[in-house]
N, C-alpha and C. Protein backbone atom coordinates (compact mmCIF):
# COMPACT_ATOMS: atom_id res chain seq x y z
N MET A 1 -4.98 27.23 -1.15
CA MET A 1 -5.38 27.99 -0.04
C MET A 1 -4.51 27.53 1.07
N THR A 2 -3.87 28.21 2.05
CA THR A 2 -3.09 27.71 2.88
C THR A 2 -3.83 27.59 4.43
N SER A 3 -3.84 26.69 5.01
CA SER A 3 -4.40 26.46 6.36
C SER A 3 -3.66 26.61 7.41
N GLY A 4 -2.27 26.07 7.14
CA GLY A 4 -1.53 26.10 8.42
C GLY A 4 -1.84 25.34 9.75
N ARG A 5 -3.16 24.58 9.35
CA ARG A 5 -3.43 23.64 10.76
C ARG A 5 -2.38 22.39 10.79
N GLU A 6 -2.52 22.02 12.08
CA GLU A 6 -1.75 20.67 12.55
C GLU A 6 -2.62 19.55 12.19
N SER A 7 -2.19 18.52 11.76
CA SER A 7 -3.28 17.21 11.77
C SER A 7 -3.18 16.56 12.80
N SER A 8 -4.21 15.22 12.86
CA SER A 8 -4.14 14.70 14.33
C SER A 8 -3.08 13.53 14.30
N VAL A 9 -2.28 13.63 13.60
CA VAL A 9 -0.91 12.67 13.66
C VAL A 9 0.06 13.34 13.71
N GLY A 10 -0.12 14.92 14.33
CA GLY A 10 0.99 15.78 14.41
C GLY A 10 1.75 16.07 13.45
N TRP A 11 1.35 16.15 11.89
CA TRP A 11 2.29 16.65 10.94
C TRP A 11 1.43 17.78 10.29
N SER A 12 2.09 18.91 9.92
CA SER A 12 1.36 19.99 9.41
C SER A 12 1.11 19.85 7.88
N TYR A 13 0.12 20.27 7.37
CA TYR A 13 -0.19 20.26 6.05
C TYR A 13 -0.83 21.56 5.62
N ASP A 14 -0.26 22.15 4.71
CA ASP A 14 -0.64 23.57 4.35
C ASP A 14 -1.48 23.86 3.26
N ASP A 15 -1.96 22.65 2.45
CA ASP A 15 -2.92 22.92 1.12
C ASP A 15 -4.06 22.08 1.56
N GLU A 16 -5.23 22.67 1.30
CA GLU A 16 -6.44 21.82 1.37
C GLU A 16 -6.22 20.51 0.71
N GLY A 17 -6.92 19.49 1.05
CA GLY A 17 -6.93 18.26 0.51
C GLY A 17 -5.44 17.35 1.12
N ARG A 18 -4.67 18.06 1.92
CA ARG A 18 -3.51 17.16 2.58
C ARG A 18 -4.09 16.52 3.87
N GLU A 19 -5.11 16.68 4.38
CA GLU A 19 -5.33 16.26 5.66
C GLU A 19 -5.49 14.62 5.44
N PRO A 20 -4.93 13.86 6.32
CA PRO A 20 -4.86 12.40 6.15
C PRO A 20 -6.14 11.77 6.29
N VAL A 21 -6.46 10.71 5.30
CA VAL A 21 -7.71 9.83 5.40
C VAL A 21 -7.08 8.66 6.32
N SER A 22 -8.00 8.24 7.02
CA SER A 22 -7.87 7.42 8.37
C SER A 22 -7.63 5.90 7.64
N ALA A 23 -6.65 5.22 8.21
CA ALA A 23 -6.64 3.74 7.60
C ALA A 23 -7.68 3.12 7.54
N GLU A 24 -8.69 3.15 8.40
CA GLU A 24 -10.16 2.62 8.54
C GLU A 24 -10.94 2.95 7.25
N ALA A 25 -11.06 4.24 7.11
CA ALA A 25 -11.71 4.68 5.90
C ALA A 25 -11.00 4.23 4.70
N LEU A 26 -9.64 4.31 4.48
CA LEU A 26 -9.08 3.42 3.43
C LEU A 26 -9.32 2.08 3.11
N ALA A 27 -9.28 1.16 4.35
CA ALA A 27 -9.65 -0.03 4.18
C ALA A 27 -11.04 -0.23 3.72
N GLU A 28 -11.96 0.80 4.06
CA GLU A 28 -13.48 0.53 3.66
C GLU A 28 -13.42 0.71 2.00
N ARG A 29 -12.74 1.54 1.55
CA ARG A 29 -12.60 1.88 0.15
C ARG A 29 -12.29 0.77 -0.60
N ILE A 30 -11.10 0.06 -0.08
CA ILE A 30 -10.56 -1.07 -0.53
C ILE A 30 -11.66 -2.27 -0.39
N LEU A 31 -12.48 -2.66 0.50
CA LEU A 31 -13.30 -3.63 0.74
C LEU A 31 -14.65 -3.40 0.02
N ALA A 32 -14.69 -2.23 -0.50
CA ALA A 32 -15.92 -1.93 -1.27
C ALA A 32 -15.69 -2.44 -2.83
N LEU A 33 -14.58 -2.97 -3.27
CA LEU A 33 -14.34 -3.49 -4.35
C LEU A 33 -14.96 -4.97 -4.47
N PRO A 34 -15.34 -5.25 -5.79
CA PRO A 34 -16.03 -6.73 -5.62
C PRO A 34 -15.17 -7.75 -5.32
N ASP A 35 -15.43 -8.83 -4.54
CA ASP A 35 -14.61 -9.84 -4.28
C ASP A 35 -13.45 -9.74 -3.44
N VAL A 36 -13.50 -8.83 -2.62
CA VAL A 36 -12.14 -8.46 -2.20
C VAL A 36 -12.41 -8.75 -0.67
N ALA A 37 -11.29 -9.69 0.07
CA ALA A 37 -11.44 -10.07 1.30
C ALA A 37 -10.34 -9.38 1.95
N GLN A 38 -10.29 -9.40 3.43
CA GLN A 38 -9.41 -8.76 4.24
C GLN A 38 -8.85 -9.61 5.43
N VAL A 39 -7.67 -9.59 5.39
CA VAL A 39 -7.05 -10.57 6.64
C VAL A 39 -6.26 -9.44 7.65
N VAL A 40 -6.84 -9.51 9.03
CA VAL A 40 -5.68 -8.55 9.96
C VAL A 40 -5.32 -9.59 10.64
N ALA A 41 -3.86 -9.12 10.61
CA ALA A 41 -2.96 -10.11 11.44
C ALA A 41 -3.28 -9.83 12.90
N ASP A 42 -3.22 -11.05 13.64
CA ASP A 42 -3.68 -11.08 14.98
C ASP A 42 -3.00 -12.43 15.45
N GLU A 43 -3.10 -12.49 16.65
CA GLU A 43 -2.35 -13.85 17.39
C GLU A 43 -2.80 -15.18 16.74
N THR A 44 -3.74 -15.16 16.18
CA THR A 44 -4.31 -16.48 15.49
C THR A 44 -3.59 -16.65 13.98
N SER A 45 -3.13 -15.71 13.23
CA SER A 45 -2.42 -15.79 11.95
C SER A 45 -1.28 -16.18 12.19
N GLY A 46 -0.57 -16.08 13.30
CA GLY A 46 0.77 -16.56 13.35
C GLY A 46 1.79 -15.74 13.02
N VAL A 47 1.36 -14.30 12.85
CA VAL A 47 2.11 -13.38 12.46
C VAL A 47 2.91 -12.86 13.74
N PRO A 48 4.05 -12.14 13.82
CA PRO A 48 4.55 -11.87 14.93
C PRO A 48 4.06 -10.68 15.42
N GLU A 49 3.74 -10.45 16.95
CA GLU A 49 2.80 -9.63 17.57
C GLU A 49 3.07 -8.02 17.32
N THR A 50 4.26 -7.83 16.69
CA THR A 50 4.72 -6.49 16.26
C THR A 50 3.77 -6.14 15.16
N HIS A 51 3.06 -6.95 14.37
CA HIS A 51 2.64 -6.72 13.21
C HIS A 51 1.31 -6.85 13.28
N TRP A 52 0.66 -7.11 14.50
CA TRP A 52 -0.65 -7.46 14.73
C TRP A 52 -1.59 -6.27 14.36
N GLY A 53 -2.67 -6.36 13.56
CA GLY A 53 -3.35 -5.01 13.41
C GLY A 53 -3.18 -4.65 11.79
N ASP A 54 -1.93 -5.19 11.20
CA ASP A 54 -1.82 -4.96 9.77
C ASP A 54 -2.90 -5.42 8.92
N ARG A 55 -3.07 -5.09 7.85
CA ARG A 55 -4.35 -5.59 6.95
C ARG A 55 -3.91 -6.04 5.58
N PHE A 56 -4.26 -7.11 5.10
CA PHE A 56 -3.92 -7.65 3.60
C PHE A 56 -5.43 -7.83 3.03
N PHE A 57 -4.94 -7.01 1.60
CA PHE A 57 -6.34 -7.32 1.06
C PHE A 57 -6.07 -8.21 -0.28
N PHE A 58 -6.92 -9.06 -0.20
CA PHE A 58 -6.99 -10.26 -1.40
C PHE A 58 -8.16 -10.36 -2.42
N VAL A 59 -7.80 -10.89 -3.40
CA VAL A 59 -8.98 -11.24 -4.43
C VAL A 59 -9.01 -12.65 -4.57
N GLY A 60 -10.13 -13.32 -4.33
CA GLY A 60 -10.38 -14.68 -4.27
C GLY A 60 -9.97 -15.42 -2.94
N PRO A 61 -10.69 -16.67 -2.75
CA PRO A 61 -10.43 -17.36 -1.46
C PRO A 61 -9.25 -17.76 -1.13
N ASP A 62 -8.18 -18.03 -2.16
CA ASP A 62 -7.11 -18.81 -1.94
C ASP A 62 -6.25 -17.85 -1.06
N ARG A 63 -6.16 -16.60 -1.16
CA ARG A 63 -5.28 -15.41 -0.18
C ARG A 63 -3.93 -15.72 -0.33
N ARG A 64 -3.38 -16.04 -1.45
CA ARG A 64 -1.91 -16.44 -1.64
C ARG A 64 -1.20 -15.13 -1.37
N ARG A 65 -1.58 -14.24 -2.34
CA ARG A 65 -0.91 -12.94 -2.55
C ARG A 65 -1.86 -11.66 -2.53
N PRO A 66 -1.51 -10.78 -1.48
CA PRO A 66 -2.39 -9.72 -1.24
C PRO A 66 -1.85 -8.74 -2.67
N PHE A 67 -3.21 -7.83 -2.78
CA PHE A 67 -2.83 -6.71 -3.89
C PHE A 67 -2.41 -5.48 -3.38
N ALA A 68 -2.72 -5.28 -1.83
CA ALA A 68 -2.81 -4.37 -1.11
C ALA A 68 -2.57 -4.54 0.41
N THR A 69 -1.81 -3.88 0.85
CA THR A 69 -1.95 -3.87 2.46
C THR A 69 -1.82 -2.56 3.18
N ILE A 70 -2.22 -2.43 4.23
CA ILE A 70 -1.90 -1.24 5.05
C ILE A 70 -1.38 -1.77 6.33
N VAL A 71 -0.19 -1.19 6.44
CA VAL A 71 0.78 -1.54 7.70
C VAL A 71 0.85 -0.24 8.65
N TYR A 72 1.01 -0.57 9.96
CA TYR A 72 1.45 0.14 11.07
C TYR A 72 2.67 0.00 11.71
N HIS A 73 3.47 -1.00 11.33
CA HIS A 73 4.81 -1.16 12.04
C HIS A 73 5.76 -1.42 11.09
N ASP A 74 7.15 -1.07 11.59
CA ASP A 74 8.26 -1.29 10.84
C ASP A 74 8.76 -2.59 10.99
N THR A 75 9.36 -3.08 10.34
CA THR A 75 10.01 -4.37 10.64
C THR A 75 11.57 -4.00 10.78
N PRO A 76 12.02 -4.17 12.12
CA PRO A 76 13.37 -3.79 12.40
C PRO A 76 14.30 -4.62 11.39
N GLY A 77 15.45 -4.20 10.96
CA GLY A 77 16.47 -4.86 10.24
C GLY A 77 16.16 -5.25 8.88
N PHE A 78 14.63 -4.71 8.55
CA PHE A 78 14.32 -4.86 7.23
C PHE A 78 13.70 -3.71 6.45
N ASP A 79 12.94 -3.28 7.24
CA ASP A 79 11.91 -2.33 6.71
C ASP A 79 11.60 -1.19 7.47
N GLU A 80 12.60 -0.51 7.70
CA GLU A 80 12.39 0.61 8.67
C GLU A 80 12.42 2.27 8.01
N ASP A 81 12.59 2.25 6.70
CA ASP A 81 12.81 3.45 6.06
C ASP A 81 11.60 4.32 6.24
N SER A 82 10.43 3.95 6.41
CA SER A 82 9.13 4.63 6.23
C SER A 82 9.11 5.32 7.76
N ARG A 83 9.80 4.69 8.80
CA ARG A 83 9.64 5.30 10.18
C ARG A 83 8.01 5.32 10.61
N LEU A 84 7.49 4.10 10.49
CA LEU A 84 6.33 3.73 11.01
C LEU A 84 6.04 4.23 12.47
N ASP A 85 7.20 4.02 13.11
CA ASP A 85 7.03 4.26 14.38
C ASP A 85 6.51 5.51 15.19
N ARG A 86 6.20 6.37 14.09
CA ARG A 86 5.66 7.83 14.41
C ARG A 86 4.30 7.68 14.95
N PRO A 87 3.54 8.46 15.95
CA PRO A 87 2.25 8.32 16.26
C PRO A 87 1.32 8.69 14.79
N GLY A 88 0.35 7.52 14.87
CA GLY A 88 -0.64 7.64 14.10
C GLY A 88 -0.10 7.61 12.19
N VAL A 89 1.19 7.14 12.10
CA VAL A 89 1.45 7.02 10.78
C VAL A 89 1.10 5.66 10.29
N TYR A 90 0.54 5.34 9.05
CA TYR A 90 0.41 3.93 8.53
C TYR A 90 0.85 4.06 6.96
N ARG A 91 0.97 3.13 6.30
CA ARG A 91 1.51 2.95 5.09
C ARG A 91 0.52 2.04 4.32
N LEU A 92 0.10 2.69 3.06
CA LEU A 92 -0.55 1.97 2.28
C LEU A 92 0.45 1.10 0.98
N ASN A 93 0.34 -0.09 0.94
CA ASN A 93 1.24 -0.55 0.02
C ASN A 93 0.41 -1.35 -1.13
N VAL A 94 0.75 -0.81 -2.51
CA VAL A 94 0.03 -1.25 -3.78
C VAL A 94 1.02 -1.88 -4.64
N GLU A 95 0.35 -3.13 -5.15
CA GLU A 95 1.19 -4.05 -6.07
C GLU A 95 1.14 -3.24 -7.52
N LEU A 96 1.88 -2.69 -8.05
CA LEU A 96 1.77 -1.93 -9.46
C LEU A 96 2.19 -2.94 -10.58
N GLY A 97 3.32 -3.99 -10.45
CA GLY A 97 3.65 -4.59 -11.30
C GLY A 97 4.95 -3.77 -12.27
N ARG A 98 5.74 -4.53 -12.92
CA ARG A 98 6.66 -3.99 -13.71
C ARG A 98 6.57 -2.94 -14.46
N ALA A 99 5.75 -2.84 -15.27
CA ALA A 99 5.24 -2.10 -16.42
C ALA A 99 4.71 -0.72 -15.84
N GLU A 100 3.83 -0.61 -14.85
CA GLU A 100 3.20 0.47 -14.24
C GLU A 100 4.07 0.93 -13.19
N PHE A 101 5.02 0.39 -12.55
CA PHE A 101 6.20 1.04 -11.68
C PHE A 101 7.01 1.83 -12.60
N GLN A 102 7.21 1.31 -13.75
CA GLN A 102 8.26 1.81 -14.58
C GLN A 102 7.54 3.27 -15.14
N ARG A 103 6.26 3.09 -15.59
CA ARG A 103 5.64 4.34 -16.08
C ARG A 103 5.47 5.43 -15.08
N ARG A 104 5.19 4.88 -13.60
CA ARG A 104 5.12 5.74 -12.66
C ARG A 104 6.23 6.57 -12.48
N PHE A 105 7.34 5.64 -11.90
CA PHE A 105 8.51 6.21 -11.55
C PHE A 105 9.60 6.65 -12.35
N GLY A 106 9.53 5.94 -13.63
CA GLY A 106 10.45 6.43 -14.82
C GLY A 106 11.58 5.38 -14.89
N TYR A 107 11.25 4.33 -14.01
CA TYR A 107 12.65 3.40 -13.99
C TYR A 107 12.07 1.91 -13.62
N PRO A 108 12.75 0.97 -14.00
CA PRO A 108 11.86 -0.42 -13.83
C PRO A 108 12.28 -0.62 -12.05
N PRO A 109 11.48 -1.44 -11.62
CA PRO A 109 11.82 -2.00 -10.26
C PRO A 109 13.14 -2.43 -9.81
N ALA A 110 13.69 -2.98 -10.89
CA ALA A 110 15.47 -3.33 -10.80
C ALA A 110 16.28 -2.37 -10.50
N GLY A 111 15.66 -1.18 -10.85
CA GLY A 111 16.45 0.28 -10.95
C GLY A 111 16.37 1.01 -9.45
N LEU A 112 15.61 0.40 -8.67
CA LEU A 112 15.31 1.03 -7.42
C LEU A 112 16.72 1.41 -6.67
N PRO A 113 17.58 0.42 -6.46
CA PRO A 113 18.73 0.86 -5.54
C PRO A 113 19.53 1.95 -6.19
N ASP A 114 19.44 2.12 -7.51
CA ASP A 114 20.02 3.18 -8.21
C ASP A 114 19.27 4.82 -7.80
N HIS A 115 18.13 4.62 -7.31
CA HIS A 115 17.28 5.78 -7.11
C HIS A 115 16.94 5.72 -5.48
N ARG A 116 17.37 5.20 -4.84
CA ARG A 116 17.14 5.08 -3.32
C ARG A 116 17.43 6.48 -2.59
N SER A 117 18.53 6.98 -3.24
CA SER A 117 19.12 8.31 -2.42
C SER A 117 18.01 9.25 -2.77
N GLU A 118 17.17 9.29 -3.99
CA GLU A 118 16.45 10.33 -4.54
C GLU A 118 15.00 10.09 -3.81
N VAL A 119 14.67 9.15 -2.94
CA VAL A 119 13.54 8.80 -2.20
C VAL A 119 13.40 9.11 -0.73
N ASP A 120 12.51 9.90 -0.11
CA ASP A 120 12.55 10.16 1.13
C ASP A 120 11.33 9.23 1.71
N PHE A 121 11.53 7.94 1.98
CA PHE A 121 10.59 7.17 2.21
C PHE A 121 9.62 7.47 3.28
N SER A 122 10.08 8.18 4.37
CA SER A 122 9.37 8.58 5.22
C SER A 122 8.31 9.75 5.01
N ARG A 123 8.37 10.40 3.81
CA ARG A 123 7.40 11.44 3.37
C ARG A 123 5.91 11.06 3.38
N LEU A 124 5.31 11.84 4.20
CA LEU A 124 3.84 11.51 4.20
C LEU A 124 3.11 11.97 2.91
N ASP A 125 2.04 11.36 2.33
CA ASP A 125 1.14 12.08 1.30
C ASP A 125 1.78 11.78 0.17
N GLU A 126 2.71 11.05 -0.28
CA GLU A 126 3.49 10.98 -1.53
C GLU A 126 3.57 9.39 -1.97
N ILE A 127 3.21 9.50 -3.15
CA ILE A 127 3.13 8.27 -3.76
C ILE A 127 4.78 7.84 -4.35
N GLN A 128 5.20 6.87 -3.63
CA GLN A 128 6.70 6.52 -4.03
C GLN A 128 6.92 5.08 -3.94
N PRO A 129 8.09 4.59 -4.53
CA PRO A 129 8.33 3.08 -4.41
C PRO A 129 8.30 2.53 -2.96
N HIS A 130 7.97 1.50 -2.90
CA HIS A 130 8.13 0.62 -1.45
C HIS A 130 9.45 0.54 -1.13
N PRO A 131 9.84 0.67 0.18
CA PRO A 131 11.20 0.66 0.53
C PRO A 131 11.85 -0.56 0.33
N ALA A 132 10.79 -1.81 0.58
CA ALA A 132 11.60 -3.03 0.63
C ALA A 132 11.13 -3.84 -0.45
N TYR A 133 9.85 -3.75 -1.06
CA TYR A 133 9.14 -4.12 -2.13
C TYR A 133 8.92 -3.46 -3.34
N GLY A 134 9.63 -2.58 -3.56
CA GLY A 134 9.68 -1.75 -4.66
C GLY A 134 10.39 -2.43 -5.53
N LEU A 135 11.47 -3.46 -5.35
CA LEU A 135 12.04 -4.16 -6.35
C LEU A 135 11.05 -5.30 -6.84
N HIS A 136 9.91 -5.63 -6.57
CA HIS A 136 9.12 -6.32 -6.86
C HIS A 136 7.89 -5.63 -7.69
N GLY A 137 7.97 -4.54 -7.72
CA GLY A 137 6.82 -3.67 -8.44
C GLY A 137 5.98 -3.18 -7.39
N TRP A 138 6.31 -2.72 -6.35
CA TRP A 138 5.25 -2.20 -5.10
C TRP A 138 5.45 -0.71 -5.02
N ALA A 139 4.35 -0.17 -4.92
CA ALA A 139 4.48 1.34 -4.51
C ALA A 139 3.94 1.63 -3.09
N CYS A 140 3.96 2.77 -2.49
CA CYS A 140 3.54 2.89 -1.35
C CYS A 140 3.10 4.55 -1.08
N VAL A 141 2.41 4.51 0.10
CA VAL A 141 2.08 6.12 0.25
C VAL A 141 1.71 6.04 1.78
N LEU A 142 2.44 7.01 2.60
CA LEU A 142 2.08 7.05 3.95
C LEU A 142 1.11 8.17 4.27
N ASN A 143 0.13 7.79 5.16
CA ASN A 143 -0.97 8.85 5.35
C ASN A 143 -1.42 9.55 4.12
N PRO A 144 -1.98 9.06 3.28
CA PRO A 144 -2.77 9.75 1.84
C PRO A 144 -3.66 10.54 2.41
N GLY A 145 -3.63 11.88 2.02
CA GLY A 145 -4.31 13.09 2.13
C GLY A 145 -5.50 12.94 1.12
N VAL A 146 -6.64 13.70 1.81
CA VAL A 146 -7.98 13.45 1.01
C VAL A 146 -7.76 14.13 -0.33
N GLY A 147 -6.84 14.87 -0.77
CA GLY A 147 -6.49 15.21 -2.17
C GLY A 147 -5.84 14.25 -3.00
N ARG A 148 -5.23 13.39 -2.32
CA ARG A 148 -4.49 12.36 -2.99
C ARG A 148 -5.38 11.12 -3.38
N LEU A 149 -6.90 10.83 -2.95
CA LEU A 149 -7.32 10.10 -2.93
C LEU A 149 -7.66 9.42 -4.39
N PRO A 150 -8.05 10.43 -5.25
CA PRO A 150 -8.25 10.02 -6.87
C PRO A 150 -7.01 9.12 -7.41
N GLU A 151 -5.85 9.76 -6.96
CA GLU A 151 -4.66 8.85 -7.58
C GLU A 151 -4.58 7.49 -6.93
N VAL A 152 -4.84 7.70 -5.34
CA VAL A 152 -4.55 6.45 -4.74
C VAL A 152 -5.63 5.37 -5.54
N ASP A 153 -6.90 5.83 -5.93
CA ASP A 153 -7.99 4.85 -6.09
C ASP A 153 -7.65 4.40 -7.45
N ARG A 154 -6.75 5.19 -8.38
CA ARG A 154 -6.50 4.61 -9.54
C ARG A 154 -5.40 3.56 -9.46
N LEU A 155 -4.48 3.74 -8.39
CA LEU A 155 -3.32 2.82 -8.35
C LEU A 155 -3.98 1.55 -7.57
N LEU A 156 -5.01 1.76 -6.75
CA LEU A 156 -5.63 0.56 -6.24
C LEU A 156 -6.69 -0.35 -7.25
N ASP A 157 -7.15 0.25 -8.17
CA ASP A 157 -8.06 -0.13 -9.17
C ASP A 157 -7.22 -0.88 -10.01
N HIS A 158 -5.75 -0.25 -10.41
CA HIS A 158 -4.79 -0.95 -11.27
C HIS A 158 -4.31 -2.42 -10.50
N ALA A 159 -3.92 -2.21 -9.15
CA ALA A 159 -3.70 -3.53 -8.60
C ALA A 159 -4.87 -4.27 -8.41
N TYR A 160 -5.77 -4.00 -8.32
CA TYR A 160 -7.07 -4.99 -8.23
C TYR A 160 -7.47 -5.65 -9.46
N ARG A 161 -7.10 -4.69 -10.49
CA ARG A 161 -7.51 -5.41 -11.76
C ARG A 161 -6.54 -6.72 -12.04
N ARG A 162 -5.32 -6.20 -11.73
CA ARG A 162 -4.07 -7.29 -11.66
C ARG A 162 -4.36 -8.58 -10.87
N ALA A 163 -4.86 -8.30 -9.65
CA ALA A 163 -5.39 -9.51 -8.92
C ALA A 163 -6.65 -10.37 -9.30
N LEU A 164 -7.30 -9.59 -9.97
CA LEU A 164 -8.36 -10.34 -10.67
C LEU A 164 -7.92 -10.88 -11.87
N ALA A 165 -7.29 -10.62 -12.60
CA ALA A 165 -6.56 -11.34 -13.64
C ALA A 165 -5.76 -12.66 -13.13
N ARG A 166 -5.05 -12.30 -12.21
CA ARG A 166 -4.08 -13.28 -11.66
C ARG A 166 -5.27 -14.42 -11.08
N HIS A 167 -6.05 -14.01 -10.46
CA HIS A 167 -7.17 -15.18 -9.76
C HIS A 167 -7.97 -16.03 -10.92
N GLN A 168 -8.06 -15.11 -11.95
CA GLN A 168 -8.95 -15.82 -13.09
C GLN A 168 -7.96 -16.82 -13.68
N ARG A 169 -6.71 -16.47 -13.81
CA ARG A 169 -5.75 -17.41 -14.56
C ARG A 169 -5.73 -18.69 -13.54
N ALA A 170 -5.69 -18.45 -12.19
CA ALA A 170 -5.72 -19.74 -11.18
C ALA A 170 -6.78 -20.51 -11.52
N LEU A 171 -8.05 -19.88 -11.64
CA LEU A 171 -9.47 -20.57 -11.81
C LEU A 171 -9.11 -21.47 -13.11
N ASP A 172 -8.76 -20.58 -14.38
CA ASP A 172 -8.40 -21.41 -15.62
C ASP A 172 -7.38 -22.54 -15.31
N ARG A 173 -6.41 -22.31 -14.71
CA ARG A 173 -5.61 -23.63 -14.49
C ARG A 173 -6.08 -24.85 -13.93
N ASP A 174 -6.78 -24.49 -12.59
CA ASP A 174 -7.53 -25.50 -12.06
C ASP A 174 -8.73 -26.35 -12.78
N ARG A 175 -9.28 -25.61 -13.60
CA ARG A 175 -10.35 -26.20 -14.47
C ARG A 175 -9.58 -26.99 -15.59
N ALA A 176 -8.40 -26.67 -16.06
CA ALA A 176 -7.77 -27.43 -17.11
C ALA A 176 -7.24 -28.61 -16.39
N VAL A 177 -6.85 -28.72 -15.24
CA VAL A 177 -6.44 -29.88 -14.50
C VAL A 177 -7.18 -30.84 -14.09
N ARG A 178 -8.34 -30.36 -13.94
CA ARG A 178 -9.61 -31.29 -13.78
C ARG A 178 -9.98 -32.14 -15.04
C-alpha cells in the first residue's frame, strides 16, 4: 500500500511500515533487555561536544565495549558516509561479529573495502555494514522504520547475546584469577 506521505525527518516513504522509529523509542527497546546499561555522551564523559547525546549500550558494569550505539553526529574526516548531518537522522550501530556479518552480507568484514562501492551508507531504513566499523563486524541502520523492527530486534538480540557471553567470560576469568 502506498501512502506517499512525508516523514517528520523530511524523507518520503511509500510503503506502510517505513515510518521511522524514534531514537528514544529504539533506546527504550534496547534498555528493556536484562542487565543493559546506557551511557549518554556528555560534557562529563570527556567526549567531544560534537558527540554529546550519542548513546552507548553495555552489558555488565565494566562498560568496556558497547554492543550497540545510537549516534546523531558524523565524525569529520573519519565517519561521514552516513550523512548524519541531515535533520532528524540518526544511526543505530550493532556489533554482529565476523560470522553473522558474513551471513548477513555475503562477505567477511575484511571484505568490506571491496564492496564499499555497492553500499549507499546514507540510505535510510536499510541494514548495511557500518561505514567505519564494518571492518570489525558492525552493521548499522539509519532511521529504521517500524516495519524493520523485527529484523532490528533480531540483530540486537544477537549482539546482546554476544555481549552477555563476553561479560560471562570476563567474570569467569576474574574468578579464576582470585
